[in-house]
Each structure stands twice: as structure tokens, then as C-alpha cells.
Amino acid sequence: MSLRIVVTVKYVPDATGDRHFAEDLTVDRDDVDGLLSELDEYAVEQALQIADDADDADDAEITVLTVGPEDAKDALRKALSMGADKAIHVEDDDLHGTDVIGTSLVLAKAIEKAGYDLVISGMASTDGTAGVVPALLAERLGVPQVTLLSEVSVEDGVVKGRRDGDSASEQLEASLPAVVSVTDQSGEARYPSFKGIMAAKKKPVESWDLSDLDLEAEEVGLEGAWTKVDSATERPARTAGTIVKDEGEGGKQLAEFLAGQKFI
């Protein structure tokens, strides 16, 4: 039977752009370009490697899943051009302002509807950087979680991986179905080829809304959020730096400056 892999990905604001909050204190996504979260590219790569290592390429099917606005399809197309087989886009106006709790609910419902054996996520999104969605997903799905892996493989219905810590590495495994997350040390993500980009245009992308997942508007969005931003202040503009002229006392002045800033 085919191994069904679902990779959760996120469409995030470009970190090099001018990011700011909208009037309702949610991230303004209209005035900045978006892209597939870089950390999710590692998750797509690991799914592709697991499929490549299968005895038969037909033994693994990779579905990429995202929750987001219309433009989030760009993130799906990037993943499809890397080599994923199909995509699911959950889009609904009532999702605006959804926090990680609501996002994990929507993702879990979509994953259950799609069918899965293995869910792969990045270690965090590059905008929210909470890093808790994989664990929340595992809890909602009622399956084991094996998170923050630097290496991952699947064999005989078991997912195995290595988690690297500051002082030691752990070898972990769990029976499928399971949820795993991978770090940015798991292997460089491949670049989409021209052939892959052209092929992605013909791959299926399903669009679902809350009604397709039997969810109500009050369960998600700002109304259903467990967290709330009370206020936000723009970062102050950069000021000119302090120049230390070395006229024999440069080292001392530099040390005094660093100590004054509590860097040393």
C-alpha cells in the first residue's frame, strides 16, 4: 500500500520586506511579498528523500497542505515544483487572525480528511517562530510525535530519526501513523528544475474551506484565538553608530563602550 505523506507548509511574508501590523494588530500580508517558509522547504525535501528511498516511486505519495489566503497557492506551487505530487489549500475569510491553536485544528481536520501515514513539518515558521504546531497536530491526531530531527527515514511502518542536542544526539523512532518535524540541519532543499516548474502547473491543487472540514467560524480566526496582541510599536529607526578613534586608547574605549552596553 502506498505511503501517504502530508507535508504542512506555510506562506509567510518575505523577511527582507517592510513588515508591519494591520489595524487589527494582525500581520499585514497585503503590502509585502510572500513566499514558502524556508524552514518548510526542509520538510518537503525530507518527504522527497523518503519517497526516493522507497522500493518503488509509486509506493509514496506526497501531498503538501497549507492554510492561508489566495496567494498561499504560490507556496504550494513551489513545493509541487520541487517534486510533491499534489496539494491542498484551505482558504476561508473566517481564518483571518487564526493563532497556532486554531491553525493546528484546521490542519488536523484537513489531514484526517486527506488521509495520511506520515505528517512532516518544518521546525517552525519563519514569521511566527512558535515551533509548537507539530506537537499540537500530534495531540489532535492522537499519534506519536518525533520532533526536531536532523535525520529521518521510514522502514517497515516505523519512522526513525536523529535529534541533535547541545551535548548529545538521540535516536528516536515511532510506529506510523506519526508526526515528525525536521530542522534546518536535515539536508539542503533542492532547487526546482525547469521541468519541475512546468510539471507543477499540471498537478492537482484542491481548495477547501471551513465547511469542507466541518468547522465553525467561531472556532478559528480572531474570535477563536487563544492569544491576542494588545499593542504594537514600530521599531525605532537606526541611529548612527559610535565611532571609536584609536589614538592610543582605542582598546580601552572599546572595552568601556561594550561594558556600558552590557555586552561584556
C-alpha atoms as a PDB file:
ATOM      1  CA  MET A   1       0.000   0.000   0.000  1.00  0.00           C
ATOM      2  CA  SER A   2       1.248   3.474  -0.849  1.00  0.00           C
ATOM      3  CA  LEU A   3       2.869   5.519   1.930  1.00  0.00           C
ATOM      4  CA  ARG A   4       0.793   8.693   2.273  1.00  0.00           C
ATOM      5  CA  ILE A   5       2.958  11.629   3.300  1.00  0.00           C
ATOM      6  CA  VAL A   6       1.413  15.015   4.121  1.00  0.00           C
ATOM      7  CA  VAL A   7       3.782  17.973   4.376  1.00  0.00           C
ATOM      8  CA  THR A   8       2.436  21.073   6.115  1.00  0.00           C
ATOM      9  CA  VAL A   9       3.801  24.299   4.642  1.00  0.00           C
ATOM     10  CA  LYS A  10       3.208  27.976   5.268  1.00  0.00           C
ATOM     11  CA  TYR A  11       3.106  31.071   3.085  1.00  0.00           C
ATOM     12  CA  VAL A  12       4.977  33.761   5.023  1.00  0.00           C
ATOM     13  CA  PRO A  13       5.917  37.417   4.477  1.00  0.00           C
ATOM     14  CA  ASP A  14       9.351  37.910   2.960  1.00  0.00           C
ATOM     15  CA  ALA A  15      11.692  38.630   5.879  1.00  0.00           C
ATOM     16  CA  THR A  16      13.584  41.156   3.725  1.00  0.00           C
ATOM     17  CA  GLY A  17      10.419  43.177   3.132  1.00  0.00           C
ATOM     18  CA  ASP A  18       8.908  46.001   5.179  1.00  0.00           C
ATOM     19  CA  ARG A  19       6.736  44.015   7.565  1.00  0.00           C
ATOM     20  CA  HIS A  20       4.223  45.652   9.868  1.00  0.00           C
ATOM     21  CA  PHE A  21       0.884  45.130  11.593  1.00  0.00           C
ATOM     22  CA  ALA A  22      -2.543  45.970  10.189  1.00  0.00           C
ATOM     23  CA  GLU A  23      -5.143  47.969  12.147  1.00  0.00           C
ATOM     24  CA  ASP A  24      -6.432  44.831  13.881  1.00  0.00           C
ATOM     25  CA  LEU A  25      -2.847  44.023  15.005  1.00  0.00           C
ATOM     26  CA  THR A  26      -2.509  41.033  12.726  1.00  0.00           C
ATOM     27  CA  VAL A  27       0.405  40.844  10.298  1.00  0.00           C
ATOM     28  CA  ASP A  28      -0.296  42.952   7.202  1.00  0.00           C
ATOM     29  CA  ARG A  29       0.241  40.489   4.361  1.00  0.00           C
ATOM     30  CA  ASP A  30      -1.096  42.714   1.578  1.00  0.00           C
ATOM     31  CA  ASP A  31       1.790  45.178   1.428  1.00  0.00           C
ATOM     32  CA  VAL A  32       4.682  42.701   1.454  1.00  0.00           C
ATOM     33  CA  ASP A  33       5.626  39.853  -0.860  1.00  0.00           C
ATOM     34  CA  GLY A  34       5.182  36.324   0.446  1.00  0.00           C
ATOM     35  CA  LEU A  35       6.928  33.019  -0.161  1.00  0.00           C
ATOM     36  CA  LEU A  36       7.172  29.430   1.039  1.00  0.00           C
ATOM     37  CA  SER A  37       8.690  29.437   4.531  1.00  0.00           C
ATOM     38  CA  GLU A  38      12.339  28.443   4.151  1.00  0.00           C
ATOM     39  CA  LEU A  39      12.135  26.057   7.103  1.00  0.00           C
ATOM     40  CA  ASP A  40       9.259  24.224   5.398  1.00  0.00           C
ATOM     41  CA  GLU A  41      11.443  23.600   2.355  1.00  0.00           C
ATOM     42  CA  TYR A  42      13.450  21.202   4.535  1.00  0.00           C
ATOM     43  CA  ALA A  43      10.247  19.300   5.325  1.00  0.00           C
ATOM     44  CA  VAL A  44       9.418  18.994   1.624  1.00  0.00           C
ATOM     45  CA  GLU A  45      12.967  17.817   0.930  1.00  0.00           C
ATOM     46  CA  GLN A  46      12.786  15.094   3.572  1.00  0.00           C
ATOM     47  CA  ALA A  47       9.465  13.880   2.174  1.00  0.00           C
ATOM     48  CA  LEU A  48      11.024  13.686  -1.290  1.00  0.00           C
ATOM     49  CA  GLN A  49      14.016  11.763   0.047  1.00  0.00           C
ATOM     50  CA  ILE A  50      11.736   9.274   1.810  1.00  0.00           C
ATOM     51  CA  ALA A  51       9.847   8.802  -1.468  1.00  0.00           C
ATOM     52  CA  ASP A  52      13.147   8.415  -3.367  1.00  0.00           C
ATOM     53  CA  ASP A  53      14.276   5.741  -0.912  1.00  0.00           C
ATOM     54  CA  ALA A  54      11.077   3.724  -1.330  1.00  0.00           C
ATOM     55  CA  ASP A  55      11.414   0.440  -3.219  1.00  0.00           C
ATOM     56  CA  ASP A  56       9.133   1.816  -5.897  1.00  0.00           C
ATOM     57  CA  ALA A  57       8.486   5.505  -6.573  1.00  0.00           C
ATOM     58  CA  ASP A  58       4.776   4.681  -6.714  1.00  0.00           C
ATOM     59  CA  ASP A  59       4.949   3.456  -3.096  1.00  0.00           C
ATOM     60  CA  ALA A  60       4.942   7.010  -1.728  1.00  0.00           C
ATOM     61  CA  GLU A  61       2.565   9.889  -2.431  1.00  0.00           C
ATOM     62  CA  ILE A  62       3.370  13.391  -1.179  1.00  0.00           C
ATOM     63  CA  THR A  63       0.621  15.924  -0.508  1.00  0.00           C
ATOM     64  CA  VAL A  64       1.523  19.473   0.524  1.00  0.00           C
ATOM     65  CA  LEU A  65      -1.016  21.266   2.698  1.00  0.00           C
ATOM     66  CA  THR A  66      -1.337  24.927   3.582  1.00  0.00           C
ATOM     67  CA  VAL A  67      -3.795  27.209   5.347  1.00  0.00           C
ATOM     68  CA  GLY A  68      -3.828  30.772   4.093  1.00  0.00           C
ATOM     69  CA  PRO A  69      -5.106  33.411   1.675  1.00  0.00           C
ATOM     70  CA  GLU A  70      -5.326  33.130  -2.104  1.00  0.00           C
ATOM     71  CA  ASP A  71      -1.647  33.973  -2.570  1.00  0.00           C
ATOM     72  CA  ALA A  72      -0.685  30.968  -0.428  1.00  0.00           C
ATOM     73  CA  LYS A  73      -1.035  28.895  -3.585  1.00  0.00           C
ATOM     74  CA  ASP A  74       2.409  30.261  -4.514  1.00  0.00           C
ATOM     75  CA  ALA A  75       3.892  28.291  -1.608  1.00  0.00           C
ATOM     76  CA  LEU A  76       2.115  25.159  -2.798  1.00  0.00           C
ATOM     77  CA  ARG A  77       3.377  25.622  -6.354  1.00  0.00           C
ATOM     78  CA  LYS A  78       6.941  25.937  -5.066  1.00  0.00           C
ATOM     79  CA  ALA A  79       6.591  22.653  -3.185  1.00  0.00           C
ATOM     80  CA  LEU A  80       4.980  20.987  -6.200  1.00  0.00           C
ATOM     81  CA  SER A  81       7.794  22.201  -8.441  1.00  0.00           C
ATOM     82  CA  MET A  82      10.274  20.612  -6.017  1.00  0.00           C
ATOM     83  CA  GLY A  83       8.568  17.274  -6.641  1.00  0.00           C
ATOM     84  CA  ALA A  84       5.474  16.865  -4.439  1.00  0.00           C
ATOM     85  CA  ASP A  85       2.560  15.079  -6.106  1.00  0.00           C
ATOM     86  CA  LYS A  86      -0.488  17.168  -5.175  1.00  0.00           C
ATOM     87  CA  ALA A  87      -1.617  19.978  -2.921  1.00  0.00           C
ATOM     88  CA  ILE A  88      -4.462  21.072  -0.665  1.00  0.00           C
ATOM     89  CA  HIS A  89      -5.217  24.725   0.044  1.00  0.00           C
ATOM     90  CA  VAL A  90      -7.529  25.591   2.946  1.00  0.00           C
ATOM     91  CA  GLU A  91      -8.813  29.112   2.362  1.00  0.00           C
ATOM     92  CA  ASP A  92     -11.640  30.923   4.135  1.00  0.00           C
ATOM     93  CA  ASP A  93     -12.147  34.572   5.060  1.00  0.00           C
ATOM     94  CA  ASP A  94     -13.032  33.498   8.610  1.00  0.00           C
ATOM     95  CA  LEU A  95      -9.499  32.147   9.070  1.00  0.00           C
ATOM     96  CA  HIS A  96      -8.088  35.679   9.306  1.00  0.00           C
ATOM     97  CA  GLY A  97      -6.233  36.098  12.590  1.00  0.00           C
ATOM     98  CA  THR A  98      -6.101  32.399  13.452  1.00  0.00           C
ATOM     99  CA  ASP A  99      -3.408  31.576  16.034  1.00  0.00           C
ATOM    100  CA  VAL A 100      -1.388  28.356  16.411  1.00  0.00           C
ATOM    101  CA  ILE A 101      -4.190  26.613  18.320  1.00  0.00           C
ATOM    102  CA  GLY A 102      -6.696  27.295  15.551  1.00  0.00           C
ATOM    103  CA  THR A 103      -4.171  26.544  12.833  1.00  0.00           C
ATOM    104  CA  SER A 104      -3.430  23.134  14.321  1.00  0.00           C
ATOM    105  CA  LEU A 105      -7.174  22.402  14.444  1.00  0.00           C
ATOM    106  CA  VAL A 106      -7.657  23.258  10.769  1.00  0.00           C
ATOM    107  CA  LEU A 107      -4.560  21.331   9.720  1.00  0.00           C
ATOM    108  CA  ALA A 108      -5.596  18.273  11.739  1.00  0.00           C
ATOM    109  CA  LYS A 109      -9.071  18.249  10.190  1.00  0.00           C
ATOM    110  CA  ALA A 110      -7.586  18.607   6.698  1.00  0.00           C
ATOM    111  CA  ILE A 111      -5.003  15.862   7.306  1.00  0.00           C
ATOM    112  CA  GLU A 112      -7.693  13.483   8.527  1.00  0.00           C
ATOM    113  CA  LYS A 113      -9.838  14.265   5.500  1.00  0.00           C
ATOM    114  CA  ALA A 114      -6.909  13.789   3.101  1.00  0.00           C
ATOM    115  CA  GLY A 115      -5.700  10.557   4.710  1.00  0.00           C
ATOM    116  CA  TYR A 116      -2.132  10.071   5.905  1.00  0.00           C
ATOM    117  CA  ASP A 117       0.524   7.763   7.283  1.00  0.00           C
ATOM    118  CA  LEU A 118       3.201  10.356   7.996  1.00  0.00           C
ATOM    119  CA  VAL A 119       2.993  14.106   8.569  1.00  0.00           C
ATOM    120  CA  ILE A 120       6.178  16.145   8.122  1.00  0.00           C
ATOM    121  CA  SER A 121       6.550  19.763   9.239  1.00  0.00           C
ATOM    122  CA  GLY A 122       9.334  22.269   9.460  1.00  0.00           C
ATOM    123  CA  MET A 123      10.726  23.056  12.922  1.00  0.00           C
ATOM    124  CA  ALA A 124       8.899  26.422  12.956  1.00  0.00           C
ATOM    125  CA  SER A 125       7.557  29.069  10.611  1.00  0.00           C
ATOM    126  CA  THR A 126       9.844  31.977   9.783  1.00  0.00           C
ATOM    127  CA  ASP A 127       7.193  34.543  10.725  1.00  0.00           C
ATOM    128  CA  GLY A 128       5.648  33.311  13.982  1.00  0.00           C
ATOM    129  CA  THR A 129       8.589  31.054  15.009  1.00  0.00           C
ATOM    130  CA  ALA A 130       6.440  29.390  17.698  1.00  0.00           C
ATOM    131  CA  GLY A 131       7.511  25.865  16.750  1.00  0.00           C
ATOM    132  CA  VAL A 132       4.559  24.202  18.515  1.00  0.00           C
ATOM    133  CA  VAL A 133       2.267  23.230  15.637  1.00  0.00           C
ATOM    134  CA  PRO A 134       3.800  19.746  15.072  1.00  0.00           C
ATOM    135  CA  ALA A 135       3.214  18.824  18.725  1.00  0.00           C
ATOM    136  CA  LEU A 136      -0.313  20.226  18.647  1.00  0.00           C
ATOM    137  CA  LEU A 137      -1.000  18.273  15.467  1.00  0.00           C
ATOM    138  CA  ALA A 138       0.178  15.012  17.019  1.00  0.00           C
ATOM    139  CA  GLU A 139      -2.061  15.617  20.037  1.00  0.00           C
ATOM    140  CA  ARG A 140      -5.109  16.372  17.903  1.00  0.00           C
ATOM    141  CA  LEU A 141      -4.494  13.382  15.637  1.00  0.00           C
ATOM    142  CA  GLY A 142      -3.764  11.094  18.564  1.00  0.00           C
ATOM    143  CA  VAL A 143      -0.471   9.842  17.109  1.00  0.00           C
ATOM    144  CA  PRO A 144       3.190   9.868  18.243  1.00  0.00           C
ATOM    145  CA  GLN A 145       5.391  12.910  17.625  1.00  0.00           C
ATOM    146  CA  VAL A 146       9.097  12.735  16.783  1.00  0.00           C
ATOM    147  CA  THR A 147      10.236  16.333  16.545  1.00  0.00           C
ATOM    148  CA  LEU A 148      13.311  18.408  15.695  1.00  0.00           C
ATOM    149  CA  LEU A 149      15.010  15.720  13.635  1.00  0.00           C
ATOM    150  CA  SER A 150      18.271  16.252  11.790  1.00  0.00           C
ATOM    151  CA  GLU A 151      17.872  12.925  10.013  1.00  0.00           C
ATOM    152  CA  VAL A 152      14.716  10.940   9.188  1.00  0.00           C
ATOM    153  CA  SER A 153      13.839   7.675   7.431  1.00  0.00           C
ATOM    154  CA  VAL A 154      10.904   5.266   7.139  1.00  0.00           C
ATOM    155  CA  GLU A 155      11.140   1.487   7.065  1.00  0.00           C
ATOM    156  CA  ASP A 156       8.624  -1.290   7.715  1.00  0.00           C
ATOM    157  CA  GLY A 157       5.958   1.009   9.136  1.00  0.00           C
ATOM    158  CA  VAL A 158       8.360   2.797  11.501  1.00  0.00           C
ATOM    159  CA  VAL A 159       9.730   6.335  11.232  1.00  0.00           C
ATOM    160  CA  LYS A 160      13.223   6.782  12.657  1.00  0.00           C
ATOM    161  CA  GLY A 161      15.315   9.879  13.186  1.00  0.00           C
ATOM    162  CA  ARG A 162      18.166  11.592  14.965  1.00  0.00           C
ATOM    163  CA  ARG A 163      17.671  14.606  17.202  1.00  0.00           C
ATOM    164  CA  ASP A 164      20.828  16.607  17.872  1.00  0.00           C
ATOM    165  CA  GLY A 165      21.119  18.476  21.145  1.00  0.00           C
ATOM    166  CA  ASP A 166      23.836  20.702  22.595  1.00  0.00           C
ATOM    167  CA  SER A 167      25.605  17.845  24.350  1.00  0.00           C
ATOM    168  CA  ALA A 168      24.201  14.638  22.835  1.00  0.00           C
ATOM    169  CA  SER A 169      22.246  13.118  19.967  1.00  0.00           C
ATOM    170  CA  GLU A 170      19.175  10.918  20.402  1.00  0.00           C
ATOM    171  CA  GLN A 171      17.991   8.140  18.126  1.00  0.00           C
ATOM    172  CA  LEU A 172      14.196   8.124  18.084  1.00  0.00           C
ATOM    173  CA  GLU A 173      11.511   6.059  16.406  1.00  0.00           C
ATOM    174  CA  ALA A 174       7.745   5.723  16.308  1.00  0.00           C
ATOM    175  CA  SER A 175       5.217   3.484  14.625  1.00  0.00           C
ATOM    176  CA  LEU A 176       3.177   5.012  11.832  1.00  0.00           C
ATOM    177  CA  PRO A 177       0.978   6.957  11.671  1.00  0.00           C
ATOM    178  CA  ALA A 178       3.080   9.709  13.219  1.00  0.00           C
ATOM    179  CA  VAL A 179       4.015  13.395  13.054  1.00  0.00           C
ATOM    180  CA  VAL A 180       7.631  14.500  12.642  1.00  0.00           C
ATOM    181  CA  SER A 181       9.319  17.861  12.334  1.00  0.00           C
ATOM    182  CA  VAL A 182      12.743  18.450  10.803  1.00  0.00           C
ATOM    183  CA  THR A 183      15.368  21.104  11.420  1.00  0.00           C
ATOM    184  CA  ASP A 184      17.407  23.184   9.004  1.00  0.00           C
ATOM    185  CA  GLN A 185      20.256  20.695   9.563  1.00  0.00           C
ATOM    186  CA  SER A 186      18.351  17.842   7.903  1.00  0.00           C
ATOM    187  CA  GLY A 187      19.705  18.468   4.420  1.00  0.00           C
ATOM    188  CA  GLU A 188      19.723  21.307   1.907  1.00  0.00           C
ATOM    189  CA  ALA A 189      16.461  21.602  -0.011  1.00  0.00           C
ATOM    190  CA  ARG A 190      16.673  21.036  -3.740  1.00  0.00           C
ATOM    191  CA  TYR A 191      16.038  23.795  -6.266  1.00  0.00           C
ATOM    192  CA  PRO A 192      13.063  23.323  -8.572  1.00  0.00           C
ATOM    193  CA  SER A 193      14.165  22.432 -12.085  1.00  0.00           C
ATOM    194  CA  PHE A 194      12.563  23.940 -15.190  1.00  0.00           C
ATOM    195  CA  LYS A 195      10.933  20.566 -15.804  1.00  0.00           C
ATOM    196  CA  GLY A 196       9.627  20.545 -12.249  1.00  0.00           C
ATOM    197  CA  ILE A 197       8.236  24.067 -12.564  1.00  0.00           C
ATOM    198  CA  MET A 198       6.385  23.185 -15.760  1.00  0.00           C
ATOM    199  CA  ALA A 199       5.105  19.903 -14.292  1.00  0.00           C
ATOM    200  CA  ALA A 200       3.795  21.707 -11.194  1.00  0.00           C
ATOM    201  CA  LYS A 201       1.315  23.641 -13.341  1.00  0.00           C
ATOM    202  CA  LYS A 202      -0.485  20.391 -14.158  1.00  0.00           C
ATOM    203  CA  LYS A 203      -0.511  18.893 -10.670  1.00  0.00           C
ATOM    204  CA  PRO A 204      -3.837  18.939  -8.782  1.00  0.00           C
ATOM    205  CA  VAL A 205      -4.490  21.608  -6.136  1.00  0.00           C
ATOM    206  CA  GLU A 206      -7.682  21.106  -4.134  1.00  0.00           C
ATOM    207  CA  SER A 207      -9.325  24.067  -2.405  1.00  0.00           C
ATOM    208  CA  TRP A 208     -11.236  23.530   0.845  1.00  0.00           C
ATOM    209  CA  ASP A 209     -12.996  25.925   3.200  1.00  0.00           C
ATOM    210  CA  LEU A 210     -14.211  25.583   6.778  1.00  0.00           C
ATOM    211  CA  SER A 211     -17.458  23.913   5.760  1.00  0.00           C
ATOM    212  CA  ASP A 212     -15.487  21.171   3.994  1.00  0.00           C
ATOM    213  CA  LEU A 213     -13.777  20.442   7.318  1.00  0.00           C
ATOM    214  CA  ASP A 214     -16.960  20.663   9.450  1.00  0.00           C
ATOM    215  CA  LEU A 215     -15.572  23.657  11.321  1.00  0.00           C
ATOM    216  CA  GLU A 216     -17.433  26.753  12.503  1.00  0.00           C
ATOM    217  CA  ALA A 217     -16.112  30.304  12.123  1.00  0.00           C
ATOM    218  CA  GLU A 218     -16.024  30.901  15.897  1.00  0.00           C
ATOM    219  CA  GLU A 219     -13.560  28.020  16.330  1.00  0.00           C
ATOM    220  CA  VAL A 220     -10.870  29.880  14.376  1.00  0.00           C
ATOM    221  CA  GLY A 221      -9.884  33.413  13.408  1.00  0.00           C
ATOM    222  CA  LEU A 222      -9.538  36.281  15.874  1.00  0.00           C
ATOM    223  CA  GLU A 223     -12.731  35.228  17.630  1.00  0.00           C
ATOM    224  CA  GLY A 224     -11.449  31.746  18.378  1.00  0.00           C
ATOM    225  CA  ALA A 225      -7.834  32.713  19.085  1.00  0.00           C
ATOM    226  CA  TRP A 226      -6.326  31.747  22.428  1.00  0.00           C
ATOM    227  CA  THR A 227      -3.738  34.511  22.111  1.00  0.00           C
ATOM    228  CA  LYS A 228      -4.115  38.208  21.379  1.00  0.00           C
ATOM    229  CA  VAL A 229      -1.797  41.104  20.546  1.00  0.00           C
ATOM    230  CA  ASP A 230      -2.719  44.017  22.832  1.00  0.00           C
ATOM    231  CA  SER A 231      -0.401  46.617  21.330  1.00  0.00           C
ATOM    232  CA  ALA A 232       2.456  47.034  18.881  1.00  0.00           C
ATOM    233  CA  THR A 233       5.069  49.731  18.439  1.00  0.00           C
ATOM    234  CA  GLU A 234       7.211  50.250  15.370  1.00  0.00           C
ATOM    235  CA  ARG A 235      10.894  49.527  15.802  1.00  0.00           C
ATOM    236  CA  PRO A 236      12.859  52.784  16.195  1.00  0.00           C
ATOM    237  CA  ALA A 237      14.857  53.881  13.188  1.00  0.00           C
ATOM    238  CA  ARG A 238      18.531  53.039  13.275  1.00  0.00           C
ATOM    239  CA  THR A 239      20.782  55.739  14.651  1.00  0.00           C
ATOM    240  CA  ALA A 240      24.374  56.453  13.731  1.00  0.00           C
ATOM    241  CA  GLY A 241      26.826  54.168  15.472  1.00  0.00           C
ATOM    242  CA  THR A 242      29.550  55.209  17.890  1.00  0.00           C
ATOM    243  CA  ILE A 243      32.958  55.632  16.282  1.00  0.00           C
ATOM    244  CA  VAL A 244      35.965  54.826  18.434  1.00  0.00           C
ATOM    245  CA  LYS A 245      39.126  56.525  17.159  1.00  0.00           C
ATOM    246  CA  ASP A 246      42.307  54.732  18.142  1.00  0.00           C
ATOM    247  CA  GLU A 247      44.762  57.339  19.328  1.00  0.00           C
ATOM    248  CA  GLY A 248      46.450  55.038  21.776  1.00  0.00           C
ATOM    249  CA  GLU A 249      43.387  54.443  23.969  1.00  0.00           C
ATOM    250  CA  GLY A 250      41.178  52.726  21.373  1.00  0.00           C
ATOM    251  CA  GLY A 251      41.148  49.354  23.093  1.00  0.00           C
ATOM    252  CA  LYS A 252      40.203  50.875  26.428  1.00  0.00           C
ATOM    253  CA  GLN A 253      37.449  52.987  24.885  1.00  0.00           C
ATOM    254  CA  LEU A 254      36.061  49.964  23.040  1.00  0.00           C
ATOM    255  CA  ALA A 255      36.015  47.905  26.244  1.00  0.00           C
ATOM    256  CA  GLU A 256      34.271  50.742  28.108  1.00  0.00           C
ATOM    257  CA  PHE A 257      31.664  51.034  25.354  1.00  0.00           C
ATOM    258  CA  LEU A 258      30.959  47.300  25.329  1.00  0.00           C
ATOM    259  CA  ALA A 259      30.737  47.246  29.109  1.00  0.00           C
ATOM    260  CA  GLY A 260      28.368  50.211  29.036  1.00  0.00           C
ATOM    261  CA  GLN A 261      26.084  48.334  26.659  1.00  0.00           C
ATOM    262  CA  LYS A 262      26.370  45.236  28.877  1.00  0.00           C
ATOM    263  CA  PHE A 263      27.882  43.195  26.045  1.00  0.00           C
ATOM    264  CA  ILE A 264      30.736  42.204  28.342  1.00  0.00           C
END
